[in-house]
Amino acid sequence: MLVHAPPGLPRDGALPIVLFLHGWGGCARVLVHSGPRPCREGEPARTGWGLGAAHDAAGLSSVLILPQLAWRRRSGAPGALGRRGFARALVEGSLEAALETSGHPNPHSRAGSVTLIAHSAGFESALAVLAQGDIDVRTLILMDALYAGTDRFAAWLLASPERRLLSFFRGRGSTARESERLRSLLEARLGPEAVLRTLPPDEGAEAPSWRAFIGRSSAPHAEIPARHLSEALVAAAIAEPRLPSERGAPRPGALSPRPRPTR
């Protein structure tokens, strides 16, 4: 388990969570860091994915949590994440530990809404987390991960107008076929204007009315998370529904841009 808490988090209120679920053979330590990094001390270094830096590049007031799933196995089994209450305990315990370590002035800040990200075989753990329903997942981001469960992911999105779903896919394999099937299901229910093929261009854009994004990536399978994490988080942030009088102001507990440092 690794938790990345960037500097400049709000002193008060709920803190949004970004929960990243890796695929086969993933190592949380390698995923979060940039540059060469061993999974465990004394082992050969592997190239880091830099997800911590990609998360911070979005400029959002959120905490990134990367649980270690199946260790060095070609398995997407959710394990303990399939047990009711485990995801909530994981999020709350990880957040409290991270804030205490970072010296945050309010180490007992509660977790706000959750952005759930699954890469590759991590979709199985994502389905388990959504099925339990014990954490407030507002945004689901699938990173070349829609191998199966398409109807269940669609049903989750359609159950609440506050939810957003983003699916990146590549090639012409099963994730591409299932993503296009998901597009058909959602367009039939929500209308084609609610299902984007390209993400909004920048965080300053007017909050759009879209509910889902389904788009092809040119990145190799293993590079999709690092390539698209930042833009996906920004898009999810500007898509948060707000009252007309609240446009430009963050919702309590929502993924909202934090002040960028001046140079």
C-alpha atoms as a PDB file:
ATOM      1  CA  MET A   1       0.000   0.000   0.000  1.00  0.00           C
ATOM      2  CA  LEU A   2       1.333   3.434  -0.937  1.00  0.00           C
ATOM      3  CA  VAL A   3      -0.336   6.779  -0.313  1.00  0.00           C
ATOM      4  CA  HIS A   4       0.712   9.980  -2.060  1.00  0.00           C
ATOM      5  CA  ALA A   5      -0.414  13.208  -0.391  1.00  0.00           C
ATOM      6  CA  PRO A   6       0.780  16.252  -2.369  1.00  0.00           C
ATOM      7  CA  PRO A   7       1.658  19.518  -0.628  1.00  0.00           C
ATOM      8  CA  GLY A   8      -0.914  22.265  -0.346  1.00  0.00           C
ATOM      9  CA  LEU A   9      -3.909  20.178   0.661  1.00  0.00           C
ATOM     10  CA  PRO A  10      -6.810  22.139   2.213  1.00  0.00           C
ATOM     11  CA  ARG A  11      -6.610  22.479   5.986  1.00  0.00           C
ATOM     12  CA  ASP A  12     -10.308  21.815   6.526  1.00  0.00           C
ATOM     13  CA  GLY A  13     -13.114  19.778   5.007  1.00  0.00           C
ATOM     14  CA  ALA A  14     -13.278  16.437   3.290  1.00  0.00           C
ATOM     15  CA  LEU A  15     -10.344  15.404   1.100  1.00  0.00           C
ATOM     16  CA  PRO A  16     -11.149  13.741  -2.234  1.00  0.00           C
ATOM     17  CA  ILE A  17      -9.533  10.366  -2.877  1.00  0.00           C
ATOM     18  CA  VAL A  18      -8.041   8.889  -6.047  1.00  0.00           C
ATOM     19  CA  LEU A  19      -7.938   5.099  -5.632  1.00  0.00           C
ATOM     20  CA  PHE A  20      -5.805   3.337  -8.272  1.00  0.00           C
ATOM     21  CA  LEU A  21      -6.190  -0.422  -8.854  1.00  0.00           C
ATOM     22  CA  HIS A  22      -3.359  -1.999 -10.842  1.00  0.00           C
ATOM     23  CA  GLY A  23      -3.357  -4.996 -13.162  1.00  0.00           C
ATOM     24  CA  TRP A  24      -1.374  -8.246 -13.338  1.00  0.00           C
ATOM     25  CA  GLY A  25       2.062  -8.125 -11.741  1.00  0.00           C
ATOM     26  CA  GLY A  26       1.716  -4.527 -10.602  1.00  0.00           C
ATOM     27  CA  CYS A  27       3.942  -3.162  -7.842  1.00  0.00           C
ATOM     28  CA  ALA A  28       2.583  -0.137  -5.978  1.00  0.00           C
ATOM     29  CA  ARG A  29       6.047   1.187  -5.202  1.00  0.00           C
ATOM     30  CA  VAL A  30       7.052   1.172  -8.876  1.00  0.00           C
ATOM     31  CA  LEU A  31       3.716   2.606  -9.962  1.00  0.00           C
ATOM     32  CA  VAL A  32       3.778   5.722  -7.807  1.00  0.00           C
ATOM     33  CA  HIS A  33       7.416   6.760  -8.203  1.00  0.00           C
ATOM     34  CA  SER A  34       9.351   8.097 -11.170  1.00  0.00           C
ATOM     35  CA  GLY A  35      12.723   6.747 -12.234  1.00  0.00           C
ATOM     36  CA  PRO A  36      14.254   3.328 -11.439  1.00  0.00           C
ATOM     37  CA  ARG A  37      12.745   1.728  -8.349  1.00  0.00           C
ATOM     38  CA  PRO A  38      12.848  -1.809  -6.934  1.00  0.00           C
ATOM     39  CA  CYS A  39       9.645  -3.400  -5.705  1.00  0.00           C
ATOM     40  CA  ARG A  40      11.511  -4.405  -2.546  1.00  0.00           C
ATOM     41  CA  GLU A  41      14.914  -3.493  -1.215  1.00  0.00           C
ATOM     42  CA  GLY A  42      17.674  -5.633  -2.674  1.00  0.00           C
ATOM     43  CA  GLU A  43      15.767  -6.453  -5.851  1.00  0.00           C
ATOM     44  CA  PRO A  44      16.608  -5.187  -9.358  1.00  0.00           C
ATOM     45  CA  ALA A  45      15.161  -1.771 -10.172  1.00  0.00           C
ATOM     46  CA  ARG A  46      12.216  -1.420 -12.530  1.00  0.00           C
ATOM     47  CA  THR A  47      11.202   1.681 -14.455  1.00  0.00           C
ATOM     48  CA  GLY A  48       8.791   3.729 -12.371  1.00  0.00           C
ATOM     49  CA  TRP A  49       5.451   4.754 -13.845  1.00  0.00           C
ATOM     50  CA  GLY A  50       5.408   8.184 -12.184  1.00  0.00           C
ATOM     51  CA  LEU A  51       1.744   8.142 -11.213  1.00  0.00           C
ATOM     52  CA  GLY A  52       2.399  10.377  -8.213  1.00  0.00           C
ATOM     53  CA  ALA A  53       3.791  13.099 -10.492  1.00  0.00           C
ATOM     54  CA  ALA A  54       0.977  12.592 -13.007  1.00  0.00           C
ATOM     55  CA  HIS A  55      -1.570  12.955 -10.207  1.00  0.00           C
ATOM     56  CA  ASP A  56       0.045  16.177  -8.972  1.00  0.00           C
ATOM     57  CA  ALA A  57       0.213  17.612 -12.497  1.00  0.00           C
ATOM     58  CA  ALA A  58      -3.582  17.805 -12.506  1.00  0.00           C
ATOM     59  CA  GLY A  59      -3.362  20.361  -9.683  1.00  0.00           C
ATOM     60  CA  LEU A  60      -6.198  18.854  -7.673  1.00  0.00           C
ATOM     61  CA  SER A  61      -6.828  18.736  -3.931  1.00  0.00           C
ATOM     62  CA  SER A  62      -6.861  14.962  -3.722  1.00  0.00           C
ATOM     63  CA  VAL A  63      -4.916  12.119  -2.138  1.00  0.00           C
ATOM     64  CA  LEU A  64      -3.696   9.207  -4.283  1.00  0.00           C
ATOM     65  CA  ILE A  65      -3.969   5.701  -2.793  1.00  0.00           C
ATOM     66  CA  LEU A  66      -2.396   2.671  -4.486  1.00  0.00           C
ATOM     67  CA  PRO A  67      -3.169  -0.603  -2.692  1.00  0.00           C
ATOM     68  CA  GLN A  68      -0.956  -3.575  -3.466  1.00  0.00           C
ATOM     69  CA  LEU A  69      -3.199  -6.141  -5.111  1.00  0.00           C
ATOM     70  CA  ALA A  70      -2.219  -9.677  -6.182  1.00  0.00           C
ATOM     71  CA  TRP A  71       1.560  -9.831  -5.673  1.00  0.00           C
ATOM     72  CA  ARG A  72       3.438 -10.976  -8.759  1.00  0.00           C
ATOM     73  CA  ARG A  73       0.602 -13.121  -9.988  1.00  0.00           C
ATOM     74  CA  ARG A  74      -1.284 -13.098 -13.246  1.00  0.00           C
ATOM     75  CA  SER A  75      -4.504 -12.537 -11.386  1.00  0.00           C
ATOM     76  CA  GLY A  76      -7.079  -9.796 -11.112  1.00  0.00           C
ATOM     77  CA  ALA A  77      -8.851 -11.363  -8.139  1.00  0.00           C
ATOM     78  CA  PRO A  78     -10.007  -8.592  -5.763  1.00  0.00           C
ATOM     79  CA  GLY A  79      -9.130 -10.481  -2.592  1.00  0.00           C
ATOM     80  CA  ALA A  80     -10.097  -8.504   0.492  1.00  0.00           C
ATOM     81  CA  LEU A  81     -11.616  -5.722  -1.633  1.00  0.00           C
ATOM     82  CA  GLY A  82     -14.510  -8.099  -2.207  1.00  0.00           C
ATOM     83  CA  ARG A  83     -15.431  -7.974   1.489  1.00  0.00           C
ATOM     84  CA  ARG A  84     -18.030  -5.461   2.606  1.00  0.00           C
ATOM     85  CA  GLY A  85     -16.480  -2.585   4.529  1.00  0.00           C
ATOM     86  CA  PHE A  86     -12.904  -3.302   3.474  1.00  0.00           C
ATOM     87  CA  ALA A  87     -12.669  -0.547   0.841  1.00  0.00           C
ATOM     88  CA  ARG A  88     -13.947   2.049   3.303  1.00  0.00           C
ATOM     89  CA  ALA A  89     -11.516   0.906   6.004  1.00  0.00           C
ATOM     90  CA  LEU A  90      -8.669   0.954   3.493  1.00  0.00           C
ATOM     91  CA  VAL A  91      -9.444   4.499   2.334  1.00  0.00           C
ATOM     92  CA  GLU A  92     -10.006   5.935   5.802  1.00  0.00           C
ATOM     93  CA  GLY A  93      -6.999   4.213   7.369  1.00  0.00           C
ATOM     94  CA  SER A  94      -4.670   5.136   4.501  1.00  0.00           C
ATOM     95  CA  LEU A  95      -5.773   8.758   4.562  1.00  0.00           C
ATOM     96  CA  GLU A  96      -5.293   9.157   8.300  1.00  0.00           C
ATOM     97  CA  ALA A  97      -1.839   7.558   8.200  1.00  0.00           C
ATOM     98  CA  ALA A  98      -0.751   9.725   5.269  1.00  0.00           C
ATOM     99  CA  LEU A  99      -1.899  12.955   6.886  1.00  0.00           C
ATOM    100  CA  GLU A 100      -0.163  12.133  10.146  1.00  0.00           C
ATOM    101  CA  THR A 101       3.067  11.357   8.301  1.00  0.00           C
ATOM    102  CA  SER A 102       2.906  14.523   6.190  1.00  0.00           C
ATOM    103  CA  GLY A 103       2.278  16.778   9.176  1.00  0.00           C
ATOM    104  CA  HIS A 104      -1.106  17.925   7.903  1.00  0.00           C
ATOM    105  CA  PRO A 105      -2.675  20.268  10.496  1.00  0.00           C
ATOM    106  CA  ASN A 106      -5.847  18.179  10.605  1.00  0.00           C
ATOM    107  CA  PRO A 107      -4.779  14.515  10.587  1.00  0.00           C
ATOM    108  CA  HIS A 108      -8.368  13.415  11.136  1.00  0.00           C
ATOM    109  CA  SER A 109      -9.766  15.002   7.960  1.00  0.00           C
ATOM    110  CA  ARG A 110     -12.344  12.680   6.505  1.00  0.00           C
ATOM    111  CA  ALA A 111     -12.347  11.166   3.043  1.00  0.00           C
ATOM    112  CA  GLY A 112     -14.592  12.865   0.495  1.00  0.00           C
ATOM    113  CA  SER A 113     -15.750  11.576  -2.863  1.00  0.00           C
ATOM    114  CA  VAL A 114     -13.677   8.897  -4.572  1.00  0.00           C
ATOM    115  CA  THR A 115     -12.325   8.678  -8.096  1.00  0.00           C
ATOM    116  CA  LEU A 116     -11.795   4.972  -8.776  1.00  0.00           C
ATOM    117  CA  ILE A 117      -9.220   4.077 -11.448  1.00  0.00           C
ATOM    118  CA  ALA A 118      -8.598   0.592 -12.822  1.00  0.00           C
ATOM    119  CA  HIS A 119      -5.821  -0.377 -15.198  1.00  0.00           C
ATOM    120  CA  SER A 120      -5.969  -3.643 -17.119  1.00  0.00           C
ATOM    121  CA  ALA A 121      -7.032  -6.557 -14.863  1.00  0.00           C
ATOM    122  CA  GLY A 122      -7.757  -4.055 -12.076  1.00  0.00           C
ATOM    123  CA  PHE A 123     -11.293  -3.946 -13.505  1.00  0.00           C
ATOM    124  CA  GLU A 124     -12.150  -7.026 -11.420  1.00  0.00           C
ATOM    125  CA  SER A 125     -11.284  -5.212  -8.201  1.00  0.00           C
ATOM    126  CA  ALA A 126     -13.170  -2.138  -9.430  1.00  0.00           C
ATOM    127  CA  LEU A 127     -16.307  -4.224  -9.938  1.00  0.00           C
ATOM    128  CA  ALA A 128     -15.928  -5.619  -6.418  1.00  0.00           C
ATOM    129  CA  VAL A 129     -15.558  -2.133  -4.895  1.00  0.00           C
ATOM    130  CA  LEU A 130     -18.600  -0.797  -6.750  1.00  0.00           C
ATOM    131  CA  ALA A 131     -20.658  -3.834  -5.771  1.00  0.00           C
ATOM    132  CA  GLN A 132     -19.982  -3.250  -2.071  1.00  0.00           C
ATOM    133  CA  GLY A 133     -21.114   0.375  -2.301  1.00  0.00           C
ATOM    134  CA  ASP A 134     -19.417   1.415   0.936  1.00  0.00           C
ATOM    135  CA  ILE A 135     -17.376   4.311  -0.491  1.00  0.00           C
ATOM    136  CA  ASP A 136     -18.715   7.297  -2.411  1.00  0.00           C
ATOM    137  CA  VAL A 137     -17.351   6.671  -5.920  1.00  0.00           C
ATOM    138  CA  ARG A 138     -18.312   9.633  -8.114  1.00  0.00           C
ATOM    139  CA  THR A 139     -15.965   8.993 -11.045  1.00  0.00           C
ATOM    140  CA  LEU A 140     -14.786   5.725 -12.572  1.00  0.00           C
ATOM    141  CA  ILE A 141     -11.799   5.750 -14.939  1.00  0.00           C
ATOM    142  CA  LEU A 142     -10.979   2.578 -16.878  1.00  0.00           C
ATOM    143  CA  MET A 143      -7.457   2.523 -18.341  1.00  0.00           C
ATOM    144  CA  ASP A 144      -7.605  -0.119 -21.098  1.00  0.00           C
ATOM    145  CA  ALA A 145      -9.453  -2.199 -18.529  1.00  0.00           C
ATOM    146  CA  LEU A 146     -12.890  -2.930 -19.960  1.00  0.00           C
ATOM    147  CA  TYR A 147     -12.381  -6.631 -20.624  1.00  0.00           C
ATOM    148  CA  ALA A 148     -15.725  -7.599 -19.082  1.00  0.00           C
ATOM    149  CA  GLY A 149     -18.441  -6.314 -16.749  1.00  0.00           C
ATOM    150  CA  THR A 150     -19.703  -3.781 -19.294  1.00  0.00           C
ATOM    151  CA  ASP A 151     -23.351  -4.041 -18.251  1.00  0.00           C
ATOM    152  CA  ARG A 152     -22.442  -3.689 -14.579  1.00  0.00           C
ATOM    153  CA  PHE A 153     -20.329  -0.596 -15.183  1.00  0.00           C
ATOM    154  CA  ALA A 154     -23.132   0.929 -17.260  1.00  0.00           C
ATOM    155  CA  ALA A 155     -25.685   0.176 -14.543  1.00  0.00           C
ATOM    156  CA  TRP A 156     -23.456   1.830 -11.931  1.00  0.00           C
ATOM    157  CA  LEU A 157     -23.204   5.014 -14.013  1.00  0.00           C
ATOM    158  CA  LEU A 158     -26.913   5.186 -14.799  1.00  0.00           C
ATOM    159  CA  ALA A 159     -27.902   4.765 -11.146  1.00  0.00           C
ATOM    160  CA  SER A 160     -26.972   8.369 -10.289  1.00  0.00           C
ATOM    161  CA  PRO A 161     -26.746  11.598 -12.338  1.00  0.00           C
ATOM    162  CA  GLU A 162     -23.747  12.671 -10.234  1.00  0.00           C
ATOM    163  CA  ARG A 163     -21.552   9.872 -11.586  1.00  0.00           C
ATOM    164  CA  ARG A 164     -19.047  10.020 -14.451  1.00  0.00           C
ATOM    165  CA  LEU A 165     -17.338   7.206 -16.349  1.00  0.00           C
ATOM    166  CA  LEU A 166     -14.234   7.474 -18.542  1.00  0.00           C
ATOM    167  CA  SER A 167     -12.912   4.549 -20.575  1.00  0.00           C
ATOM    168  CA  PHE A 168      -9.624   4.643 -22.486  1.00  0.00           C
ATOM    169  CA  PHE A 169      -8.917   1.750 -24.832  1.00  0.00           C
ATOM    170  CA  ARG A 170      -6.393   0.843 -27.483  1.00  0.00           C
ATOM    171  CA  GLY A 171      -6.102  -1.417 -30.486  1.00  0.00           C
ATOM    172  CA  ARG A 172      -8.947  -3.576 -31.741  1.00  0.00           C
ATOM    173  CA  GLY A 173      -9.074  -6.223 -29.036  1.00  0.00           C
ATOM    174  CA  SER A 174     -11.581  -6.953 -26.305  1.00  0.00           C
ATOM    175  CA  THR A 175     -11.238  -3.615 -24.488  1.00  0.00           C
ATOM    176  CA  ALA A 176     -11.971  -1.797 -27.756  1.00  0.00           C
ATOM    177  CA  ARG A 177     -14.994  -3.997 -28.511  1.00  0.00           C
ATOM    178  CA  GLU A 178     -16.396  -3.690 -24.983  1.00  0.00           C
ATOM    179  CA  SER A 179     -15.809   0.077 -24.907  1.00  0.00           C
ATOM    180  CA  GLU A 180     -17.789   0.475 -28.125  1.00  0.00           C
ATOM    181  CA  ARG A 181     -20.545  -1.718 -26.694  1.00  0.00           C
ATOM    182  CA  LEU A 182     -20.551   0.484 -23.606  1.00  0.00           C
ATOM    183  CA  ARG A 183     -20.864   3.531 -25.844  1.00  0.00           C
ATOM    184  CA  SER A 184     -23.915   2.027 -27.549  1.00  0.00           C
ATOM    185  CA  LEU A 185     -25.565   1.195 -24.227  1.00  0.00           C
ATOM    186  CA  LEU A 186     -25.013   4.668 -22.805  1.00  0.00           C
ATOM    187  CA  GLU A 187     -25.948   6.585 -25.934  1.00  0.00           C
ATOM    188  CA  ALA A 188     -29.229   4.651 -26.076  1.00  0.00           C
ATOM    189  CA  ARG A 189     -30.053   5.728 -22.507  1.00  0.00           C
ATOM    190  CA  LEU A 190     -28.423   9.163 -22.236  1.00  0.00           C
ATOM    191  CA  GLY A 191     -28.255  10.394 -25.818  1.00  0.00           C
ATOM    192  CA  PRO A 192     -25.102  10.712 -27.963  1.00  0.00           C
ATOM    193  CA  GLU A 193     -24.361  14.233 -26.697  1.00  0.00           C
ATOM    194  CA  ALA A 194     -23.751  12.848 -23.172  1.00  0.00           C
ATOM    195  CA  VAL A 195     -21.032  10.399 -24.311  1.00  0.00           C
ATOM    196  CA  LEU A 196     -17.867  12.162 -25.443  1.00  0.00           C
ATOM    197  CA  ARG A 197     -15.263  10.855 -27.865  1.00  0.00           C
ATOM    198  CA  THR A 198     -12.682  13.516 -26.894  1.00  0.00           C
ATOM    199  CA  LEU A 199     -12.047  15.094 -23.510  1.00  0.00           C
ATOM    200  CA  PRO A 200     -12.741  18.789 -22.823  1.00  0.00           C
ATOM    201  CA  PRO A 201      -9.663  20.813 -23.835  1.00  0.00           C
ATOM    202  CA  ASP A 202      -8.736  22.496 -20.554  1.00  0.00           C
ATOM    203  CA  GLU A 203      -9.750  22.978 -16.949  1.00  0.00           C
ATOM    204  CA  GLY A 204     -10.981  26.519 -17.584  1.00  0.00           C
ATOM    205  CA  ALA A 205     -13.787  25.309 -19.835  1.00  0.00           C
ATOM    206  CA  GLU A 206     -17.401  25.665 -18.804  1.00  0.00           C
ATOM    207  CA  ALA A 207     -18.518  22.588 -16.865  1.00  0.00           C
ATOM    208  CA  PRO A 208     -20.069  20.340 -19.550  1.00  0.00           C
ATOM    209  CA  SER A 209     -23.158  18.188 -19.298  1.00  0.00           C
ATOM    210  CA  TRP A 210     -21.487  14.955 -20.386  1.00  0.00           C
ATOM    211  CA  ARG A 211     -21.750  11.769 -18.368  1.00  0.00           C
ATOM    212  CA  ALA A 212     -19.195   9.501 -20.044  1.00  0.00           C
ATOM    213  CA  PHE A 213     -16.072   9.622 -22.171  1.00  0.00           C
ATOM    214  CA  ILE A 214     -15.053   6.657 -24.306  1.00  0.00           C
ATOM    215  CA  GLY A 215     -11.971   7.167 -26.422  1.00  0.00           C
ATOM    216  CA  ARG A 216      -9.064   5.444 -28.112  1.00  0.00           C
ATOM    217  CA  SER A 217      -5.525   5.950 -26.811  1.00  0.00           C
ATOM    218  CA  SER A 218      -2.374   5.811 -28.923  1.00  0.00           C
ATOM    219  CA  ALA A 219      -0.247   4.846 -25.907  1.00  0.00           C
ATOM    220  CA  PRO A 220       1.004   1.285 -25.346  1.00  0.00           C
ATOM    221  CA  HIS A 221      -1.064  -0.670 -22.823  1.00  0.00           C
ATOM    222  CA  ALA A 222       1.402  -0.237 -19.935  1.00  0.00           C
ATOM    223  CA  GLU A 223       1.802   3.506 -20.579  1.00  0.00           C
ATOM    224  CA  ILE A 224      -1.870   4.448 -20.661  1.00  0.00           C
ATOM    225  CA  PRO A 225      -2.139   5.357 -16.934  1.00  0.00           C
ATOM    226  CA  ALA A 226       0.833   7.741 -16.951  1.00  0.00           C
ATOM    227  CA  ARG A 227      -0.212   9.206 -20.306  1.00  0.00           C
ATOM    228  CA  HIS A 228      -3.823   9.966 -19.391  1.00  0.00           C
ATOM    229  CA  LEU A 229      -4.103  10.187 -15.600  1.00  0.00           C
ATOM    230  CA  SER A 230      -3.687  13.951 -15.333  1.00  0.00           C
ATOM    231  CA  GLU A 231      -6.090  14.891 -18.141  1.00  0.00           C
ATOM    232  CA  ALA A 232      -8.671  12.386 -16.923  1.00  0.00           C
ATOM    233  CA  LEU A 233      -8.628  13.829 -13.405  1.00  0.00           C
ATOM    234  CA  VAL A 234      -8.971  17.379 -14.731  1.00  0.00           C
ATOM    235  CA  ALA A 235     -11.870  16.363 -16.966  1.00  0.00           C
ATOM    236  CA  ALA A 236     -13.611  14.647 -14.053  1.00  0.00           C
ATOM    237  CA  ALA A 237     -13.121  17.747 -11.923  1.00  0.00           C
ATOM    238  CA  ILE A 238     -14.691  20.173 -14.388  1.00  0.00           C
ATOM    239  CA  ALA A 239     -17.553  17.765 -15.011  1.00  0.00           C
ATOM    240  CA  GLU A 240     -18.697  17.929 -11.375  1.00  0.00           C
ATOM    241  CA  PRO A 241     -22.332  19.112 -11.457  1.00  0.00           C
ATOM    242  CA  ARG A 242     -22.854  22.481  -9.745  1.00  0.00           C
ATOM    243  CA  LEU A 243     -25.694  24.924  -9.290  1.00  0.00           C
ATOM    244  CA  PRO A 244     -25.524  27.914 -11.681  1.00  0.00           C
ATOM    245  CA  SER A 245     -24.634  30.226  -8.783  1.00  0.00           C
ATOM    246  CA  GLU A 246     -21.775  27.926  -7.771  1.00  0.00           C
ATOM    247  CA  ARG A 247     -19.939  27.700 -11.109  1.00  0.00           C
ATOM    248  CA  GLY A 248     -16.283  28.332 -10.479  1.00  0.00           C
ATOM    249  CA  ALA A 249     -16.549  27.391  -6.798  1.00  0.00           C
ATOM    250  CA  PRO A 250     -15.566  23.880  -5.649  1.00  0.00           C
ATOM    251  CA  ARG A 251     -18.204  21.582  -4.231  1.00  0.00           C
ATOM    252  CA  PRO A 252     -17.545  20.391  -0.682  1.00  0.00           C
ATOM    253  CA  GLY A 253     -15.547  17.210  -0.927  1.00  0.00           C
ATOM    254  CA  ALA A 254     -15.345  17.392  -4.723  1.00  0.00           C
ATOM    255  CA  LEU A 255     -12.214  17.071  -6.820  1.00  0.00           C
ATOM    256  CA  SER A 256     -11.336  20.753  -7.108  1.00  0.00           C
ATOM    257  CA  PRO A 257      -8.208  22.508  -8.369  1.00  0.00           C
ATOM    258  CA  ARG A 258      -5.831  23.505  -5.595  1.00  0.00           C
ATOM    259  CA  PRO A 259      -3.835  26.738  -5.886  1.00  0.00           C
ATOM    260  CA  ARG A 260      -0.872  26.337  -8.198  1.00  0.00           C
ATOM    261  CA  PRO A 261       2.462  27.617  -6.853  1.00  0.00           C
ATOM    262  CA  THR A 262       3.721  30.803  -8.464  1.00  0.00           C
ATOM    263  CA  ARG A 263       7.114  30.755 -10.122  1.00  0.00           C
END
